[in-house]
C-alpha atoms as a PDB file:
ATOM      1  CA  MET A   1      15.075  -9.434  34.287  1.00  0.00           C
ATOM      2  CA  THR A   2      16.586 -12.024  31.949  1.00  0.00           C
ATOM      3  CA  LEU A   3      13.434 -14.128  32.016  1.00  0.00           C
ATOM      4  CA  LEU A   4      11.195 -11.100  31.476  1.00  0.00           C
ATOM      5  CA  LEU A   5      13.274  -9.992  28.481  1.00  0.00           C
ATOM      6  CA  SER A   6      13.192 -13.565  27.163  1.00  0.00           C
ATOM      7  CA  LEU A   7       9.393 -13.505  27.387  1.00  0.00           C
ATOM      8  CA  ILE A   8       9.349 -10.193  25.503  1.00  0.00           C
ATOM      9  CA  MET A   9      11.409 -11.775  22.733  1.00  0.00           C
ATOM     10  CA  MET A  10       9.072 -14.769  22.625  1.00  0.00           C
ATOM     11  CA  ALA A  11       6.051 -12.473  22.418  1.00  0.00           C
ATOM     12  CA  GLY A  12       7.793 -10.541  19.651  1.00  0.00           C
ATOM     13  CA  LEU A  13       8.439 -13.729  17.688  1.00  0.00           C
ATOM     14  CA  PHE A  14       4.814 -14.798  18.037  1.00  0.00           C
ATOM     15  CA  LEU A  15       3.621 -11.330  17.049  1.00  0.00           C
ATOM     16  CA  MET A  16       5.806 -11.532  13.956  1.00  0.00           C
ATOM     17  CA  LEU A  17       4.304 -14.900  13.031  1.00  0.00           C
ATOM     18  CA  TYR A  18       0.771 -13.638  13.546  1.00  0.00           C
ATOM     19  CA  SER A  19       1.508 -10.460  11.582  1.00  0.00           C
ATOM     20  CA  GLY A  20       2.871 -12.373   8.621  1.00  0.00           C
ATOM     21  CA  VAL A  21       0.489 -15.323   8.569  1.00  0.00           C
ATOM     22  CA  GLY A  22      -2.711 -13.753   9.870  1.00  0.00           C
ATOM     23  CA  LEU A  23      -2.623 -10.176   8.632  1.00  0.00           C
ATOM     24  CA  ILE A  24      -0.092  -9.563   5.866  1.00  0.00           C
ATOM     25  CA  GLN A  25      -0.712 -12.989   4.302  1.00  0.00           C
ATOM     26  CA  ASP A  26       2.142 -12.975   1.840  1.00  0.00           C
ATOM     27  CA  LYS A  27       3.531 -16.288   0.575  1.00  0.00           C
ATOM     28  CA  ARG A  28       7.054 -14.947   1.128  1.00  0.00           C
ATOM     29  CA  PHE A  29       6.541 -15.458   4.862  1.00  0.00           C
ATOM     30  CA  PHE A  30       6.397 -19.222   4.270  1.00  0.00           C
ATOM     31  CA  THR A  31       9.969 -19.606   3.023  1.00  0.00           C
ATOM     32  CA  SER A  32      10.985 -21.277   6.304  1.00  0.00           C
ATOM     33  CA  ALA A  33       7.947 -23.597   6.298  1.00  0.00           C
ATOM     34  CA  PRO A  34       8.172 -27.207   5.120  1.00  0.00           C
ATOM     35  CA  LEU A  35       8.128 -27.570   1.326  1.00  0.00           C
ATOM     36  CA  GLU A  36       4.744 -29.329   1.456  1.00  0.00           C
ATOM     37  CA  VAL A  37       3.244 -26.292   3.183  1.00  0.00           C
ATOM     38  CA  GLN A  38       4.917 -23.828   0.807  1.00  0.00           C
ATOM     39  CA  ASN A  39       3.486 -25.698  -2.170  1.00  0.00           C
ATOM     40  CA  ALA A  40      -0.017 -25.836  -0.680  1.00  0.00           C
ATOM     41  CA  VAL A  41      -0.270 -22.138   0.256  1.00  0.00           C
ATOM     42  CA  THR A  42      -2.199 -19.955  -2.161  1.00  0.00           C
ATOM     43  CA  ASP A  43      -2.567 -16.190  -2.350  1.00  0.00           C
ATOM     44  CA  HIS A  44      -5.327 -14.697  -0.216  1.00  0.00           C
ATOM     45  CA  SER A  45      -7.049 -11.347  -0.360  1.00  0.00           C
ATOM     46  CA  GLU A  46      -6.871  -8.960   2.576  1.00  0.00           C
ATOM     47  CA  ARG A  47      -8.870 -10.399   5.505  1.00  0.00           C
ATOM     48  CA  PHE A  48     -10.370  -6.989   6.331  1.00  0.00           C
ATOM     49  CA  LYS A  49      -9.715  -3.432   5.223  1.00  0.00           C
ATOM     50  CA  GLY A  50      -6.376  -2.340   6.664  1.00  0.00           C
ATOM     51  CA  ALA A  51      -5.214  -5.847   7.643  1.00  0.00           C
ATOM     52  CA  HIS A  52      -2.010  -5.615   5.629  1.00  0.00           C
ATOM     53  CA  ALA A  53      -1.149  -2.190   7.037  1.00  0.00           C
ATOM     54  CA  LEU A  54      -1.874  -3.379  10.582  1.00  0.00           C
ATOM     55  CA  GLY A  55       0.237  -6.463   9.938  1.00  0.00           C
ATOM     56  CA  TRP A  56       3.218  -4.394   8.821  1.00  0.00           C
ATOM     57  CA  VAL A  57       2.903  -2.123  11.862  1.00  0.00           C
ATOM     58  CA  LEU A  58       2.755  -5.136  14.185  1.00  0.00           C
ATOM     59  CA  ALA A  59       5.693  -6.730  12.353  1.00  0.00           C
ATOM     60  CA  ALA A  60       7.725  -3.566  12.977  1.00  0.00           C
ATOM     61  CA  VAL A  61       6.733  -3.659  16.654  1.00  0.00           C
ATOM     62  CA  SER A  62       7.789  -7.307  16.832  1.00  0.00           C
ATOM     63  CA  VAL A  63      11.200  -6.495  15.342  1.00  0.00           C
ATOM     64  CA  GLY A  64      11.524  -3.789  17.977  1.00  0.00           C
ATOM     65  CA  MET A  65      10.784  -6.343  20.681  1.00  0.00           C
ATOM     66  CA  LEU A  66      13.206  -8.904  19.246  1.00  0.00           C
ATOM     67  CA  VAL A  67      16.030  -6.366  18.929  1.00  0.00           C
ATOM     68  CA  GLY A  68      15.155  -4.219  21.926  1.00  0.00           C
ATOM     69  CA  ALA A  69      15.306  -6.993  24.517  1.00  0.00           C
ATOM     70  CA  PRO A  70      18.957  -7.952  23.858  1.00  0.00           C
ATOM     71  CA  VAL A  71      19.910  -4.279  23.505  1.00  0.00           C
ATOM     72  CA  TYR A  72      18.334  -3.567  26.888  1.00  0.00           C
ATOM     73  CA  THR A  73      20.112  -6.611  28.320  1.00  0.00           C
ATOM     74  CA  CYS A  74      23.422  -5.184  27.164  1.00  0.00           C
ATOM     75  CA  TYR A  75      22.554  -1.717  28.476  1.00  0.00           C
ATOM     76  CA  ASP A  76      21.477  -3.142  31.835  1.00  0.00           C
ATOM     77  CA  GLY A  77      24.639  -5.211  32.056  1.00  0.00           C
ATOM     78  CA  ILE A  78      26.831  -2.187  31.350  1.00  0.00           C
ATOM     79  CA  ARG A  79      24.873  -0.004  33.778  1.00  0.00           C
ATOM     80  CA  ASN A  80      25.130  -2.569  36.583  1.00  0.00           C
ATOM     81  CA  GLY A  81      28.775  -3.393  35.932  1.00  0.00           C
ATOM     82  CA  TYR A  82      28.184  -7.007  34.941  1.00  0.00           C
ATOM     83  CA  SER A  83      31.186  -9.051  33.988  1.00  0.00           C
ATOM     84  CA  PHE A  84      31.766 -10.427  30.506  1.00  0.00           C
ATOM     85  CA  LEU A  85      30.579 -13.845  31.687  1.00  0.00           C
ATOM     86  CA  GLN A  86      27.388 -12.471  33.262  1.00  0.00           C
ATOM     87  CA  ILE A  87      26.390 -10.631  30.088  1.00  0.00           C
ATOM     88  CA  PHE A  88      27.330 -13.615  27.919  1.00  0.00           C
ATOM     89  CA  VAL A  89      25.211 -16.011  30.003  1.00  0.00           C
ATOM     90  CA  ARG A  90      22.231 -13.620  30.011  1.00  0.00           C
ATOM     91  CA  LEU A  91      22.314 -13.292  26.235  1.00  0.00           C
ATOM     92  CA  LEU A  92      22.771 -17.019  25.742  1.00  0.00           C
ATOM     93  CA  ILE A  93      19.838 -17.807  28.037  1.00  0.00           C
ATOM     94  CA  MET A  94      17.675 -15.390  26.063  1.00  0.00           C
ATOM     95  CA  LEU A  95      18.677 -16.749  22.646  1.00  0.00           C
ATOM     96  CA  TRP A  96      18.388 -20.389  23.671  1.00  0.00           C
ATOM     97  CA  GLY A  97      15.056 -19.678  25.356  1.00  0.00           C
ATOM     98  CA  LEU A  98      13.818 -18.079  22.145  1.00  0.00           C
ATOM     99  CA  LYS A  99      14.971 -21.092  20.151  1.00  0.00           C
ATOM    100  CA  ALA A 100      13.250 -23.481  22.577  1.00  0.00           C
ATOM    101  CA  PHE A 101      10.066 -21.407  22.199  1.00  0.00           C
ATOM    102  CA  ASP A 102      10.400 -21.609  18.430  1.00  0.00           C
ATOM    103  CA  ILE A 103      10.824 -25.389  18.462  1.00  0.00           C
ATOM    104  CA  ILE A 104       8.131 -26.155  21.051  1.00  0.00           C
ATOM    105  CA  VAL A 105       5.473 -23.562  20.259  1.00  0.00           C
ATOM    106  CA  PHE A 106       5.919 -22.859  16.550  1.00  0.00           C
ATOM    107  CA  ASP A 107       7.019 -26.247  15.290  1.00  0.00           C
ATOM    108  CA  TRP A 108       5.416 -28.735  17.657  1.00  0.00           C
ATOM    109  CA  ILE A 109       2.236 -26.964  18.748  1.00  0.00           C
ATOM    110  CA  LEU A 110       1.299 -24.533  15.959  1.00  0.00           C
ATOM    111  CA  LEU A 111       2.659 -26.371  12.916  1.00  0.00           C
ATOM    112  CA  CYS A 112       2.154 -29.987  13.879  1.00  0.00           C
ATOM    113  CA  ASN A 113      -0.698 -30.148  16.383  1.00  0.00           C
ATOM    114  CA  SER A 114      -3.075 -27.207  16.107  1.00  0.00           C
ATOM    115  CA  GLY A 115      -5.392 -25.455  13.721  1.00  0.00           C
ATOM    116  CA  PHE A 116      -3.418 -22.194  13.740  1.00  0.00           C
ATOM    117  CA  PHE A 117      -2.173 -22.288  10.153  1.00  0.00           C
ATOM    118  CA  PRO A 118      -5.317 -23.898   8.679  1.00  0.00           C
ATOM    119  CA  HIS A 119      -7.373 -21.124  10.302  1.00  0.00           C
ATOM    120  CA  PHE A 120      -5.687 -18.632   7.981  1.00  0.00           C
ATOM    121  CA  TYR A 121      -4.835 -21.017   5.130  1.00  0.00           C
ATOM    122  CA  PRO A 122      -7.398 -23.855   4.988  1.00  0.00           C
ATOM    123  CA  GLU A 123      -5.579 -25.367   2.023  1.00  0.00           C
ATOM    124  CA  VAL A 124      -2.651 -26.493   4.220  1.00  0.00           C
ATOM    125  CA  LYS A 125      -4.780 -28.603   6.589  1.00  0.00           C
ATOM    126  CA  GLU A 126      -4.141 -31.839   4.693  1.00  0.00           C
ATOM    127  CA  VAL A 127      -0.343 -31.480   4.670  1.00  0.00           C
ATOM    128  CA  LEU A 128       0.145 -30.560   8.336  1.00  0.00           C
ATOM    129  CA  GLY A 129       0.735 -33.027  11.108  1.00  0.00           C
ATOM    130  CA  PRO A 130       3.255 -34.454  13.578  1.00  0.00           C
ATOM    131  CA  HIS A 131       5.262 -35.957  10.724  1.00  0.00           C
ATOM    132  CA  LEU A 132       6.589 -32.443   9.981  1.00  0.00           C
ATOM    133  CA  PHE A 133       8.222 -32.010  13.383  1.00  0.00           C
ATOM    134  CA  GLY A 134      11.961 -31.676  12.968  1.00  0.00           C
ATOM    135  CA  TYR A 135      11.856 -30.785   9.269  1.00  0.00           C
ATOM    136  CA  ASN A 136      14.252 -27.901  10.012  1.00  0.00           C
ATOM    137  CA  ARG A 137      16.659 -29.607  12.431  1.00  0.00           C
ATOM    138  CA  LYS A 138      19.748 -28.284  10.667  1.00  0.00           C
ATOM    139  CA  GLU A 139      18.449 -24.714  10.811  1.00  0.00           C
ATOM    140  CA  HIS A 140      17.670 -25.012  14.525  1.00  0.00           C
ATOM    141  CA  LEU A 141      21.060 -26.557  15.253  1.00  0.00           C
ATOM    142  CA  THR A 142      22.770 -23.793  13.269  1.00  0.00           C
ATOM    143  CA  HIS A 143      20.923 -21.134  15.274  1.00  0.00           C
ATOM    144  CA  ILE A 144      21.810 -22.821  18.563  1.00  0.00           C
ATOM    145  CA  ILE A 145      25.483 -23.016  17.610  1.00  0.00           C
ATOM    146  CA  LEU A 146      25.619 -19.462  16.194  1.00  0.00           C
ATOM    147  CA  SER A 147      24.029 -18.027  19.326  1.00  0.00           C
ATOM    148  CA  VAL A 148      27.259 -18.798  21.209  1.00  0.00           C
ATOM    149  CA  PRO A 149      29.584 -16.594  19.117  1.00  0.00           C
ATOM    150  CA  VAL A 150      26.891 -13.907  18.798  1.00  0.00           C
ATOM    151  CA  SER A 151      26.555 -13.810  22.594  1.00  0.00           C
ATOM    152  CA  LEU A 152      30.343 -13.789  22.967  1.00  0.00           C
ATOM    153  CA  ILE A 153      30.740 -10.872  20.558  1.00  0.00           C
ATOM    154  CA  LEU A 154      27.927  -8.842  22.130  1.00  0.00           C
ATOM    155  CA  ALA A 155      29.268  -9.493  25.630  1.00  0.00           C
ATOM    156  CA  ALA A 156      32.742  -8.435  24.507  1.00  0.00           C
ATOM    157  CA  ILE A 157      31.363  -5.217  23.022  1.00  0.00           C
ATOM    158  CA  CYS A 158      29.461  -4.532  26.242  1.00  0.00           C
ATOM    159  CA  THR A 159      32.574  -4.916  28.362  1.00  0.00           C
ATOM    160  CA  LEU A 160      34.260  -2.210  26.273  1.00  0.00           C
ATOM    161  CA  PHE A 161      31.655   0.275  27.517  1.00  0.00           C
ATOM    162  CA  ARG A 162      31.964  -0.463  31.233  1.00  0.00           C
END
């Protein structure tokens, strides 16, 4: 169940990326991208009629997936009488798995070694490449570290409802 919920979160994160980059196409979605990419991105018109609306609907679905999976994990842990440690480990596995997905798929594959972003924004093709990998190390490290207290707090809250 933990791995399935982790996969749901990963799918939700990818859906959010696709919604923002491929359908909504708003420069505000590039605030976490490398500065070179942010500077290269230009405004684009709607790819097809209704693309922005579809993008916002899919973004809302992706938020539901990203929030719903940990909520279900907590619910399932309470329902099955899991201990504090069991719930904590489940949540930590999910958050660290999501972060690994972010680093490997988003940063290494999509940003540095594929044509994903240039497909939607051809103007960024010249600035992308393997040299960008690790541009956000501090952010990733912060997320990895913060996932421990977040998991601890959520696990503690769950044990109050057993």
